[in-house]
N, C-alpha and C. Protein backbone atom coordinates (compact mmCIF):
# COMPACT_ATOMS: atom_id res chain seq x y z
N MET A 1 -19.63 -10.45 -20.03
CA MET A 1 -18.23 -10.07 -20.08
C MET A 1 -18.11 -8.66 -20.66
N THR A 2 -17.39 -7.81 -19.97
CA THR A 2 -17.14 -6.46 -20.45
C THR A 2 -15.97 -6.48 -21.43
N ARG A 3 -16.15 -5.82 -22.54
CA ARG A 3 -15.09 -5.76 -23.54
C ARG A 3 -13.96 -4.86 -23.04
N PRO A 4 -12.71 -5.32 -23.10
CA PRO A 4 -11.60 -4.45 -22.69
C PRO A 4 -11.32 -3.39 -23.75
N ASN A 5 -10.59 -2.37 -23.39
CA ASN A 5 -10.16 -1.40 -24.40
C ASN A 5 -9.05 -1.96 -25.27
N TYR A 6 -8.21 -2.82 -24.65
CA TYR A 6 -7.08 -3.40 -25.37
C TYR A 6 -6.81 -4.81 -24.86
N TYR A 7 -6.14 -5.57 -25.70
CA TYR A 7 -5.44 -6.78 -25.28
C TYR A 7 -3.95 -6.46 -25.45
N ILE A 8 -3.13 -6.97 -24.54
CA ILE A 8 -1.68 -6.85 -24.70
C ILE A 8 -1.10 -8.26 -24.77
N ILE A 9 -0.24 -8.45 -25.77
CA ILE A 9 0.40 -9.75 -25.98
C ILE A 9 1.92 -9.56 -25.95
N PRO A 10 2.61 -10.24 -25.06
CA PRO A 10 4.07 -10.13 -25.05
C PRO A 10 4.67 -10.56 -26.39
N GLN A 11 5.79 -9.95 -26.75
CA GLN A 11 6.38 -10.16 -28.07
C GLN A 11 6.85 -11.59 -28.32
N ALA A 12 6.98 -12.39 -27.28
CA ALA A 12 7.36 -13.79 -27.48
C ALA A 12 6.31 -14.57 -28.28
N TRP A 13 5.08 -14.06 -28.30
CA TRP A 13 3.98 -14.77 -28.96
C TRP A 13 3.77 -14.25 -30.37
N ASP A 14 4.84 -14.15 -31.15
CA ASP A 14 4.74 -13.58 -32.50
C ASP A 14 3.90 -14.43 -33.45
N ILE A 15 3.74 -15.73 -33.19
CA ILE A 15 2.88 -16.56 -34.04
C ILE A 15 1.43 -16.06 -33.98
N ILE A 16 1.01 -15.60 -32.82
CA ILE A 16 -0.35 -15.06 -32.66
C ILE A 16 -0.47 -13.74 -33.41
N ILE A 17 0.55 -12.91 -33.32
CA ILE A 17 0.54 -11.62 -34.01
C ILE A 17 0.45 -11.82 -35.51
N GLU A 18 1.18 -12.80 -36.05
CA GLU A 18 1.12 -13.08 -37.50
C GLU A 18 -0.28 -13.49 -37.91
N LYS A 19 -0.94 -14.28 -37.09
CA LYS A 19 -2.31 -14.70 -37.40
C LYS A 19 -3.27 -13.51 -37.37
N LEU A 20 -3.10 -12.63 -36.38
CA LEU A 20 -3.95 -11.44 -36.30
C LEU A 20 -3.70 -10.52 -37.49
N LYS A 21 -2.43 -10.33 -37.86
CA LYS A 21 -2.11 -9.47 -39.00
C LYS A 21 -2.73 -10.00 -40.29
N ARG A 22 -2.68 -11.32 -40.47
CA ARG A 22 -3.26 -11.92 -41.69
C ARG A 22 -4.76 -11.66 -41.77
N ASN A 23 -5.37 -11.41 -40.64
CA ASN A 23 -6.81 -11.14 -40.61
C ASN A 23 -7.11 -9.65 -40.48
N GLN A 24 -6.13 -8.82 -40.83
CA GLN A 24 -6.29 -7.37 -40.90
C GLN A 24 -6.65 -6.71 -39.57
N VAL A 25 -6.20 -7.31 -38.47
CA VAL A 25 -6.43 -6.73 -37.15
C VAL A 25 -5.42 -5.59 -36.95
N LYS A 26 -5.92 -4.46 -36.48
CA LYS A 26 -5.06 -3.31 -36.18
C LYS A 26 -4.23 -3.63 -34.94
N ILE A 27 -2.90 -3.55 -35.09
CA ILE A 27 -1.98 -3.90 -34.01
C ILE A 27 -0.94 -2.79 -33.85
N PHE A 28 -0.66 -2.44 -32.61
CA PHE A 28 0.37 -1.45 -32.30
C PHE A 28 1.45 -2.12 -31.46
N ARG A 29 2.60 -1.47 -31.35
CA ARG A 29 3.65 -1.94 -30.45
C ARG A 29 3.95 -0.83 -29.45
N LEU A 30 4.34 -1.23 -28.26
CA LEU A 30 4.72 -0.25 -27.25
C LEU A 30 6.04 0.40 -27.62
N LYS A 31 6.09 1.73 -27.50
CA LYS A 31 7.33 2.47 -27.74
C LYS A 31 8.25 2.44 -26.53
N GLN A 32 7.69 2.12 -25.37
CA GLN A 32 8.44 2.13 -24.12
C GLN A 32 7.83 1.14 -23.15
N ASP A 33 8.57 0.80 -22.12
CA ASP A 33 8.03 -0.07 -21.06
C ASP A 33 6.89 0.67 -20.36
N ILE A 34 5.88 -0.08 -19.94
CA ILE A 34 4.78 0.52 -19.16
C ILE A 34 4.36 -0.43 -18.04
N ASP A 35 3.82 0.15 -16.99
CA ASP A 35 3.14 -0.60 -15.94
C ASP A 35 1.67 -0.25 -16.05
N VAL A 36 0.82 -1.26 -16.08
CA VAL A 36 -0.60 -1.01 -16.28
C VAL A 36 -1.42 -2.05 -15.52
N LYS A 37 -2.60 -1.62 -15.03
CA LYS A 37 -3.50 -2.55 -14.36
C LYS A 37 -4.14 -3.44 -15.44
N ALA A 38 -4.05 -4.75 -15.24
CA ALA A 38 -4.51 -5.69 -16.26
C ALA A 38 -5.38 -6.77 -15.63
N GLU A 39 -6.27 -7.30 -16.44
CA GLU A 39 -7.03 -8.49 -16.05
C GLU A 39 -6.30 -9.69 -16.65
N ILE A 40 -5.91 -10.61 -15.78
CA ILE A 40 -5.14 -11.79 -16.19
C ILE A 40 -5.98 -13.03 -15.90
N TYR A 41 -6.02 -13.93 -16.87
CA TYR A 41 -6.74 -15.19 -16.69
C TYR A 41 -5.81 -16.30 -16.24
N ASP A 42 -6.30 -17.17 -15.37
CA ASP A 42 -5.67 -18.45 -15.07
C ASP A 42 -6.58 -19.53 -15.63
N ILE A 43 -6.00 -20.48 -16.33
CA ILE A 43 -6.77 -21.60 -16.86
C ILE A 43 -6.88 -22.62 -15.74
N VAL A 44 -8.09 -22.83 -15.22
CA VAL A 44 -8.26 -23.74 -14.08
C VAL A 44 -8.70 -25.13 -14.51
N HIS A 45 -9.26 -25.23 -15.73
CA HIS A 45 -9.69 -26.54 -16.22
C HIS A 45 -9.85 -26.46 -17.73
N PHE A 46 -9.53 -27.53 -18.40
CA PHE A 46 -9.84 -27.67 -19.82
C PHE A 46 -9.83 -29.16 -20.14
N GLU A 47 -10.48 -29.51 -21.23
CA GLU A 47 -10.48 -30.88 -21.72
C GLU A 47 -10.00 -30.85 -23.16
N THR A 48 -9.49 -31.97 -23.62
CA THR A 48 -8.94 -32.07 -24.96
C THR A 48 -9.57 -33.26 -25.67
N VAL A 49 -9.88 -33.10 -26.95
CA VAL A 49 -10.48 -34.19 -27.72
C VAL A 49 -9.48 -35.35 -27.85
N ASN A 50 -10.00 -36.53 -28.14
CA ASN A 50 -9.16 -37.73 -28.23
C ASN A 50 -8.40 -37.84 -29.55
N GLY A 51 -8.95 -37.25 -30.60
CA GLY A 51 -8.30 -37.36 -31.90
C GLY A 51 -8.12 -35.99 -32.53
N PRO A 52 -7.21 -35.90 -33.51
CA PRO A 52 -6.94 -34.59 -34.13
C PRO A 52 -8.06 -34.14 -35.05
N TYR A 53 -8.19 -32.83 -35.18
CA TYR A 53 -9.10 -32.19 -36.14
C TYR A 53 -8.31 -31.08 -36.81
N GLU A 54 -8.20 -31.13 -38.13
CA GLU A 54 -7.42 -30.13 -38.87
C GLU A 54 -6.00 -29.99 -38.32
N GLY A 55 -5.43 -31.12 -37.87
CA GLY A 55 -4.06 -31.10 -37.39
C GLY A 55 -3.89 -30.60 -35.96
N HIS A 56 -4.98 -30.42 -35.23
CA HIS A 56 -4.91 -29.92 -33.85
C HIS A 56 -5.73 -30.82 -32.94
N TYR A 57 -5.29 -30.92 -31.70
CA TYR A 57 -6.08 -31.57 -30.66
C TYR A 57 -6.80 -30.46 -29.90
N LEU A 58 -8.02 -30.22 -30.27
CA LEU A 58 -8.76 -29.06 -29.75
C LEU A 58 -9.06 -29.18 -28.26
N HIS A 59 -8.88 -28.06 -27.57
CA HIS A 59 -9.28 -27.96 -26.17
C HIS A 59 -10.72 -27.43 -26.13
N HIS A 60 -11.43 -27.86 -25.11
CA HIS A 60 -12.81 -27.38 -24.92
C HIS A 60 -13.13 -27.39 -23.43
N SER A 61 -14.30 -26.92 -23.10
CA SER A 61 -14.75 -26.84 -21.70
C SER A 61 -13.73 -26.10 -20.84
N VAL A 62 -13.22 -25.01 -21.39
CA VAL A 62 -12.20 -24.21 -20.70
C VAL A 62 -12.86 -23.40 -19.58
N GLU A 63 -12.30 -23.51 -18.39
CA GLU A 63 -12.76 -22.72 -17.24
C GLU A 63 -11.62 -21.83 -16.80
N ILE A 64 -11.96 -20.60 -16.43
CA ILE A 64 -10.95 -19.61 -16.09
C ILE A 64 -11.25 -18.93 -14.76
N ASP A 65 -10.21 -18.42 -14.15
CA ASP A 65 -10.32 -17.46 -13.05
C ASP A 65 -9.71 -16.17 -13.56
N LYS A 66 -10.24 -15.05 -13.12
CA LYS A 66 -9.72 -13.75 -13.56
C LYS A 66 -9.19 -13.00 -12.35
N GLU A 67 -8.01 -12.40 -12.51
CA GLU A 67 -7.39 -11.62 -11.44
C GLU A 67 -6.95 -10.28 -12.01
N GLU A 68 -7.14 -9.23 -11.23
CA GLU A 68 -6.69 -7.90 -11.66
C GLU A 68 -5.40 -7.58 -10.90
N LYS A 69 -4.35 -7.23 -11.65
CA LYS A 69 -3.09 -6.88 -11.00
C LYS A 69 -2.27 -5.97 -11.89
N MET A 70 -1.29 -5.31 -11.27
CA MET A 70 -0.38 -4.46 -12.04
C MET A 70 0.60 -5.35 -12.78
N MET A 71 0.77 -5.05 -14.06
CA MET A 71 1.67 -5.83 -14.90
C MET A 71 2.68 -4.91 -15.56
N HIS A 72 3.85 -5.44 -15.81
CA HIS A 72 4.90 -4.69 -16.50
C HIS A 72 5.01 -5.23 -17.92
N TYR A 73 4.90 -4.34 -18.90
CA TYR A 73 5.06 -4.71 -20.31
C TYR A 73 6.24 -3.95 -20.89
N ARG A 74 6.91 -4.60 -21.83
CA ARG A 74 8.16 -4.05 -22.38
C ARG A 74 7.96 -3.41 -23.73
N LYS A 75 8.86 -2.50 -24.03
CA LYS A 75 8.91 -1.89 -25.35
C LYS A 75 8.91 -3.02 -26.38
N GLY A 76 8.02 -2.90 -27.38
CA GLY A 76 7.92 -3.92 -28.41
C GLY A 76 6.79 -4.90 -28.21
N ASP A 77 6.20 -4.96 -26.99
CA ASP A 77 5.04 -5.82 -26.79
C ASP A 77 3.88 -5.29 -27.63
N TYR A 78 2.94 -6.16 -27.94
CA TYR A 78 1.87 -5.84 -28.89
C TYR A 78 0.60 -5.40 -28.18
N VAL A 79 -0.03 -4.37 -28.73
CA VAL A 79 -1.28 -3.83 -28.18
C VAL A 79 -2.34 -3.93 -29.28
N ILE A 80 -3.46 -4.56 -28.95
CA ILE A 80 -4.56 -4.72 -29.90
C ILE A 80 -5.76 -3.97 -29.35
N PRO A 81 -6.11 -2.84 -29.95
CA PRO A 81 -7.30 -2.11 -29.47
C PRO A 81 -8.58 -2.84 -29.92
N THR A 82 -9.59 -2.80 -29.08
CA THR A 82 -10.86 -3.44 -29.47
C THR A 82 -11.76 -2.45 -30.20
N ASP A 83 -11.37 -1.18 -30.24
CA ASP A 83 -12.06 -0.19 -31.07
C ASP A 83 -11.54 -0.44 -32.49
N ASN A 84 -12.04 -1.49 -33.11
CA ASN A 84 -11.41 -2.08 -34.27
C ASN A 84 -12.50 -2.73 -35.11
N THR A 85 -12.43 -2.64 -36.40
CA THR A 85 -13.47 -3.26 -37.25
C THR A 85 -13.50 -4.77 -37.08
N ALA A 86 -12.40 -5.36 -36.63
CA ALA A 86 -12.32 -6.82 -36.47
C ALA A 86 -12.59 -7.24 -35.02
N VAL A 87 -13.34 -6.46 -34.26
CA VAL A 87 -13.52 -6.70 -32.83
C VAL A 87 -14.08 -8.09 -32.54
N ARG A 88 -15.02 -8.56 -33.32
CA ARG A 88 -15.59 -9.88 -33.04
C ARG A 88 -14.53 -10.97 -33.22
N PHE A 89 -13.75 -10.87 -34.28
CA PHE A 89 -12.67 -11.83 -34.51
C PHE A 89 -11.66 -11.78 -33.36
N ILE A 90 -11.30 -10.57 -32.93
CA ILE A 90 -10.34 -10.40 -31.84
C ILE A 90 -10.81 -11.11 -30.58
N ILE A 91 -12.04 -10.86 -30.19
CA ILE A 91 -12.58 -11.45 -28.96
C ILE A 91 -12.70 -12.97 -29.08
N GLU A 92 -13.16 -13.45 -30.23
CA GLU A 92 -13.36 -14.90 -30.39
C GLU A 92 -12.05 -15.67 -30.48
N THR A 93 -10.95 -15.00 -30.78
CA THR A 93 -9.66 -15.70 -30.84
C THR A 93 -8.81 -15.47 -29.60
N LEU A 94 -8.98 -14.33 -28.92
CA LEU A 94 -8.12 -14.02 -27.77
C LEU A 94 -8.73 -14.34 -26.41
N GLU A 95 -10.04 -14.49 -26.33
CA GLU A 95 -10.65 -14.91 -25.06
C GLU A 95 -10.48 -16.43 -24.96
N PRO A 96 -9.73 -16.92 -23.98
CA PRO A 96 -9.34 -18.34 -23.97
C PRO A 96 -10.50 -19.32 -23.89
N HIS A 97 -11.62 -18.92 -23.32
CA HIS A 97 -12.76 -19.81 -23.17
C HIS A 97 -13.70 -19.79 -24.38
N ALA A 98 -13.38 -18.97 -25.40
CA ALA A 98 -14.19 -18.96 -26.62
C ALA A 98 -13.92 -20.24 -27.41
N VAL A 99 -14.94 -20.72 -28.10
CA VAL A 99 -14.88 -21.99 -28.82
C VAL A 99 -13.74 -22.03 -29.84
N ASP A 100 -13.53 -20.93 -30.56
CA ASP A 100 -12.49 -20.90 -31.60
C ASP A 100 -11.27 -20.08 -31.19
N SER A 101 -11.00 -20.01 -29.91
CA SER A 101 -9.86 -19.22 -29.44
C SER A 101 -8.54 -19.87 -29.87
N TYR A 102 -7.50 -19.07 -29.87
CA TYR A 102 -6.18 -19.62 -30.16
C TYR A 102 -5.74 -20.61 -29.08
N LEU A 103 -6.25 -20.45 -27.86
CA LEU A 103 -5.98 -21.45 -26.84
C LEU A 103 -6.61 -22.77 -27.23
N ALA A 104 -7.87 -22.74 -27.68
CA ALA A 104 -8.56 -23.97 -28.08
C ALA A 104 -7.83 -24.68 -29.20
N TRP A 105 -7.19 -23.92 -30.08
CA TRP A 105 -6.48 -24.48 -31.22
C TRP A 105 -5.01 -24.77 -30.92
N ASN A 106 -4.62 -24.84 -29.68
CA ASN A 106 -3.30 -25.28 -29.21
C ASN A 106 -2.17 -24.27 -29.36
N TYR A 107 -2.42 -23.03 -29.66
CA TYR A 107 -1.32 -22.08 -29.86
C TYR A 107 -0.72 -21.58 -28.54
N PHE A 108 -1.41 -21.85 -27.43
CA PHE A 108 -0.88 -21.44 -26.12
C PHE A 108 -0.58 -22.64 -25.22
N ASP A 109 -0.36 -23.80 -25.80
CA ASP A 109 -0.13 -25.00 -25.00
C ASP A 109 1.08 -24.89 -24.09
N ALA A 110 2.05 -24.07 -24.45
CA ALA A 110 3.25 -23.94 -23.62
C ALA A 110 2.91 -23.50 -22.19
N VAL A 111 1.87 -22.68 -22.01
CA VAL A 111 1.52 -22.23 -20.65
C VAL A 111 0.77 -23.30 -19.87
N LEU A 112 0.26 -24.30 -20.58
CA LEU A 112 -0.48 -25.37 -19.92
C LEU A 112 0.44 -26.48 -19.40
N GLN A 113 1.70 -26.42 -19.77
CA GLN A 113 2.66 -27.44 -19.36
C GLN A 113 3.45 -26.94 -18.15
N GLN A 114 3.43 -27.74 -17.11
CA GLN A 114 4.21 -27.38 -15.92
C GLN A 114 5.66 -27.82 -16.17
N LYS A 115 6.57 -26.86 -16.11
CA LYS A 115 7.97 -27.14 -16.43
C LYS A 115 8.82 -27.38 -15.19
N GLU A 116 8.39 -26.85 -14.06
CA GLU A 116 9.16 -27.01 -12.82
C GLU A 116 8.40 -27.91 -11.86
N TRP A 117 9.12 -28.79 -11.21
CA TRP A 117 8.51 -29.70 -10.24
C TRP A 117 9.31 -29.69 -8.96
N PHE A 118 8.99 -30.59 -8.07
CA PHE A 118 9.69 -30.69 -6.80
C PHE A 118 10.09 -32.14 -6.58
N SER A 119 11.07 -32.34 -5.77
CA SER A 119 11.46 -33.68 -5.34
C SER A 119 10.75 -33.97 -4.03
N ALA A 120 9.94 -35.01 -4.02
CA ALA A 120 9.14 -35.32 -2.83
C ALA A 120 10.01 -35.50 -1.58
N TYR A 121 11.14 -36.21 -1.74
CA TYR A 121 11.97 -36.48 -0.56
C TYR A 121 12.60 -35.20 -0.01
N VAL A 122 12.80 -34.19 -0.85
CA VAL A 122 13.34 -32.91 -0.39
C VAL A 122 12.22 -32.04 0.18
N PHE A 123 11.07 -32.03 -0.52
CA PHE A 123 9.98 -31.14 -0.12
C PHE A 123 9.27 -31.61 1.15
N GLU A 124 9.45 -32.88 1.53
CA GLU A 124 8.86 -33.38 2.78
C GLU A 124 9.28 -32.54 3.97
N ASP A 125 10.54 -32.11 3.97
CA ASP A 125 11.05 -31.28 5.07
C ASP A 125 10.57 -29.83 4.97
N GLU A 126 10.33 -29.37 3.75
CA GLU A 126 9.92 -27.98 3.51
C GLU A 126 8.43 -27.77 3.76
N ALA A 127 7.61 -28.80 3.48
CA ALA A 127 6.14 -28.67 3.55
C ALA A 127 5.64 -28.17 4.90
N PRO A 128 6.10 -28.71 6.04
CA PRO A 128 5.60 -28.19 7.32
C PRO A 128 5.93 -26.71 7.53
N LYS A 129 7.09 -26.28 7.04
CA LYS A 129 7.46 -24.86 7.15
C LYS A 129 6.52 -24.00 6.32
N VAL A 130 6.19 -24.48 5.11
CA VAL A 130 5.27 -23.73 4.23
C VAL A 130 3.92 -23.58 4.92
N LEU A 131 3.42 -24.66 5.51
CA LEU A 131 2.12 -24.60 6.19
C LEU A 131 2.17 -23.68 7.41
N ALA A 132 3.27 -23.72 8.15
CA ALA A 132 3.41 -22.86 9.35
C ALA A 132 3.42 -21.38 8.97
N GLU A 133 3.97 -21.07 7.79
CA GLU A 133 4.06 -19.67 7.35
C GLU A 133 2.80 -19.19 6.62
N ASN A 134 1.89 -20.12 6.32
CA ASN A 134 0.70 -19.77 5.54
C ASN A 134 -0.54 -20.40 6.19
N PRO A 135 -1.14 -19.75 7.19
CA PRO A 135 -2.28 -20.32 7.90
C PRO A 135 -3.48 -20.62 7.00
N GLU A 136 -3.71 -19.79 5.98
CA GLU A 136 -4.85 -20.03 5.08
C GLU A 136 -4.64 -21.31 4.28
N LEU A 137 -3.44 -21.51 3.78
CA LEU A 137 -3.12 -22.75 3.05
C LEU A 137 -3.25 -23.96 3.98
N LYS A 138 -2.78 -23.80 5.22
CA LYS A 138 -2.88 -24.91 6.19
C LYS A 138 -4.35 -25.26 6.43
N LYS A 139 -5.20 -24.25 6.55
CA LYS A 139 -6.63 -24.49 6.77
C LYS A 139 -7.24 -25.23 5.58
N GLN A 140 -6.92 -24.80 4.35
CA GLN A 140 -7.42 -25.47 3.14
C GLN A 140 -6.92 -26.91 3.07
N PHE A 141 -5.66 -27.10 3.42
CA PHE A 141 -5.05 -28.42 3.41
C PHE A 141 -5.76 -29.36 4.38
N GLU A 142 -5.98 -28.89 5.61
CA GLU A 142 -6.63 -29.73 6.62
C GLU A 142 -8.07 -30.06 6.22
N GLU A 143 -8.78 -29.09 5.64
CA GLU A 143 -10.16 -29.33 5.19
C GLU A 143 -10.19 -30.37 4.07
N LYS A 144 -9.25 -30.26 3.15
CA LYS A 144 -9.20 -31.21 2.03
C LYS A 144 -8.88 -32.63 2.55
N LYS A 145 -7.98 -32.73 3.49
CA LYS A 145 -7.67 -34.04 4.07
C LYS A 145 -8.89 -34.64 4.77
N LYS A 146 -9.62 -33.78 5.44
CA LYS A 146 -10.80 -34.22 6.20
C LYS A 146 -11.94 -34.67 5.27
N ASN A 147 -12.11 -33.95 4.14
CA ASN A 147 -13.27 -34.19 3.26
C ASN A 147 -12.98 -35.05 2.03
N ASP A 148 -11.73 -35.42 1.81
CA ASP A 148 -11.37 -36.17 0.61
C ASP A 148 -10.51 -37.36 1.03
N ALA A 149 -11.13 -38.54 1.09
CA ALA A 149 -10.44 -39.75 1.57
C ALA A 149 -9.26 -40.12 0.67
N ASP A 150 -9.42 -39.99 -0.63
CA ASP A 150 -8.32 -40.31 -1.56
C ASP A 150 -7.13 -39.39 -1.30
N PHE A 151 -7.41 -38.11 -1.10
CA PHE A 151 -6.35 -37.14 -0.83
C PHE A 151 -5.66 -37.46 0.51
N ALA A 152 -6.44 -37.81 1.52
CA ALA A 152 -5.90 -38.11 2.85
C ALA A 152 -4.98 -39.32 2.82
N ALA A 153 -5.20 -40.24 1.85
CA ALA A 153 -4.38 -41.45 1.77
C ALA A 153 -3.20 -41.30 0.80
N ASN A 154 -3.08 -40.17 0.15
CA ASN A 154 -2.08 -40.00 -0.91
C ASN A 154 -1.05 -38.93 -0.49
N THR A 155 0.10 -39.35 -0.01
CA THR A 155 1.10 -38.39 0.48
C THR A 155 1.66 -37.52 -0.64
N PHE A 156 1.80 -38.10 -1.85
CA PHE A 156 2.30 -37.27 -2.95
C PHE A 156 1.30 -36.17 -3.28
N ALA A 157 0.00 -36.48 -3.34
CA ALA A 157 -1.03 -35.47 -3.61
C ALA A 157 -1.00 -34.38 -2.54
N GLN A 158 -0.76 -34.76 -1.31
CA GLN A 158 -0.69 -33.78 -0.22
C GLN A 158 0.52 -32.85 -0.40
N LEU A 159 1.67 -33.43 -0.73
CA LEU A 159 2.86 -32.61 -0.96
C LEU A 159 2.66 -31.67 -2.15
N TYR A 160 2.03 -32.19 -3.20
CA TYR A 160 1.81 -31.36 -4.39
C TYR A 160 0.84 -30.22 -4.08
N PHE A 161 -0.18 -30.47 -3.28
CA PHE A 161 -1.12 -29.43 -2.86
C PHE A 161 -0.38 -28.31 -2.13
N ILE A 162 0.50 -28.69 -1.22
CA ILE A 162 1.28 -27.69 -0.46
C ILE A 162 2.25 -26.96 -1.39
N TYR A 163 2.89 -27.71 -2.27
CA TYR A 163 3.83 -27.12 -3.23
C TYR A 163 3.12 -26.07 -4.10
N LYS A 164 1.91 -26.40 -4.60
CA LYS A 164 1.16 -25.46 -5.45
C LYS A 164 0.78 -24.20 -4.70
N GLY A 165 0.62 -24.31 -3.39
CA GLY A 165 0.26 -23.14 -2.59
C GLY A 165 1.47 -22.36 -2.09
N SER A 166 2.65 -22.84 -2.43
CA SER A 166 3.87 -22.20 -1.92
C SER A 166 4.48 -21.24 -2.94
N SER A 167 5.47 -20.50 -2.49
CA SER A 167 6.17 -19.56 -3.38
C SER A 167 7.10 -20.30 -4.35
N HIS A 168 7.28 -21.59 -4.16
CA HIS A 168 8.14 -22.39 -5.04
C HIS A 168 7.44 -22.75 -6.36
N TYR A 169 6.12 -22.68 -6.35
CA TYR A 169 5.34 -23.11 -7.53
C TYR A 169 5.54 -22.14 -8.69
N GLU A 170 5.67 -22.69 -9.88
CA GLU A 170 5.91 -21.92 -11.12
C GLU A 170 4.75 -20.95 -11.38
N PRO A 171 4.97 -19.64 -11.28
CA PRO A 171 3.86 -18.68 -11.36
C PRO A 171 3.21 -18.60 -12.75
N SER A 172 3.94 -18.93 -13.81
CA SER A 172 3.37 -18.80 -15.15
C SER A 172 2.58 -20.03 -15.59
N HIS A 173 2.61 -21.10 -14.80
CA HIS A 173 1.86 -22.30 -15.17
C HIS A 173 0.37 -21.99 -15.19
N ASN A 174 -0.26 -22.23 -16.31
CA ASN A 174 -1.69 -22.00 -16.54
C ASN A 174 -2.09 -20.53 -16.54
N GLU A 175 -1.12 -19.62 -16.55
CA GLU A 175 -1.44 -18.19 -16.64
C GLU A 175 -1.48 -17.82 -18.12
N TYR A 176 -2.64 -17.41 -18.58
CA TYR A 176 -2.84 -17.05 -19.98
C TYR A 176 -2.07 -15.76 -20.27
N PRO A 177 -1.23 -15.75 -21.31
CA PRO A 177 -0.33 -14.60 -21.50
C PRO A 177 -0.96 -13.36 -22.12
N VAL A 178 -2.19 -13.46 -22.59
CA VAL A 178 -2.86 -12.30 -23.20
C VAL A 178 -3.64 -11.57 -22.11
N ALA A 179 -3.29 -10.30 -21.89
CA ALA A 179 -3.94 -9.52 -20.82
C ALA A 179 -5.04 -8.64 -21.39
N ARG A 180 -6.02 -8.38 -20.55
CA ARG A 180 -7.12 -7.46 -20.88
C ARG A 180 -6.86 -6.14 -20.16
N ILE A 181 -6.88 -5.05 -20.90
CA ILE A 181 -6.62 -3.72 -20.33
C ILE A 181 -7.90 -2.90 -20.45
N MET A 182 -8.40 -2.42 -19.31
CA MET A 182 -9.65 -1.66 -19.32
C MET A 182 -9.39 -0.15 -19.44
N GLU A 183 -8.24 0.33 -18.93
CA GLU A 183 -7.98 1.77 -18.97
C GLU A 183 -7.39 2.16 -20.32
N LYS A 184 -7.36 3.44 -20.60
CA LYS A 184 -6.82 3.95 -21.87
C LYS A 184 -5.29 4.01 -21.79
N ILE A 185 -4.65 3.71 -22.90
CA ILE A 185 -3.20 3.84 -23.02
C ILE A 185 -2.91 5.11 -23.81
N ASP A 186 -2.01 5.91 -23.32
CA ASP A 186 -1.60 7.15 -24.00
C ASP A 186 -1.11 6.80 -25.42
N PRO A 187 -1.76 7.33 -26.47
CA PRO A 187 -1.34 7.02 -27.85
C PRO A 187 0.12 7.34 -28.13
N ALA A 188 0.71 8.28 -27.38
CA ALA A 188 2.11 8.63 -27.58
C ALA A 188 3.04 7.47 -27.20
N LYS A 189 2.52 6.49 -26.46
CA LYS A 189 3.33 5.34 -26.06
C LYS A 189 3.25 4.20 -27.08
N LEU A 190 2.50 4.42 -28.16
CA LEU A 190 2.30 3.36 -29.16
C LEU A 190 2.92 3.73 -30.49
N GLU A 191 3.55 2.75 -31.13
CA GLU A 191 4.05 2.95 -32.50
C GLU A 191 2.88 2.86 -33.46
N GLU A 192 3.12 3.29 -34.71
CA GLU A 192 2.07 3.21 -35.73
C GLU A 192 1.59 1.79 -35.90
N SER A 193 0.35 1.64 -36.33
CA SER A 193 -0.24 0.31 -36.51
C SER A 193 0.57 -0.50 -37.50
N LEU A 194 0.72 -1.80 -37.18
CA LEU A 194 1.42 -2.72 -38.08
C LEU A 194 0.55 -3.12 -39.25
N THR A 195 -0.76 -2.95 -39.13
CA THR A 195 -1.69 -3.30 -40.21
C THR A 195 -2.60 -2.13 -40.48
N ARG A 196 -3.03 -2.00 -41.69
CA ARG A 196 -3.91 -0.89 -42.08
C ARG A 196 -5.24 -1.45 -42.53
């Protein structure tokens, strides 16, 4: 894994910022909105222990997909440079698949919960249209039906598969909110460090 130059955390995640500040991590805030190329993780799999440990149900066996895309960040969002004396702590807490990450300790559970769903009786009429407009999704759907007998016999699973591949699906579900930034950010766009 290549170390990013920065992590960016939207200001809604102030609980994470407080934890980083308590550990003397150098943190800046954006002085203005910016658009920047970012590496974004999707959480594709994780498991959770059966009982609590230190008041948390720890996640483990986290698997991720990484996507590079242009992201918009707002004035006040937090920037954590990795050119930092606390770099090991930063990486071990902000990389979601790390054993002691804040994701593992349940601080990002909100992104793991799907908040929007579909009504099967309504989406039954929409599903064929979605497949007709998306040949790649249709191909994946047909292959899954052909190779997975349980899926082929489960109409709800089929509708959900199509729904997840459609524009109706909640884009933030399982999208890890901490971005990795590889390029340099102009220091003039950053406020003074919140920690010294």
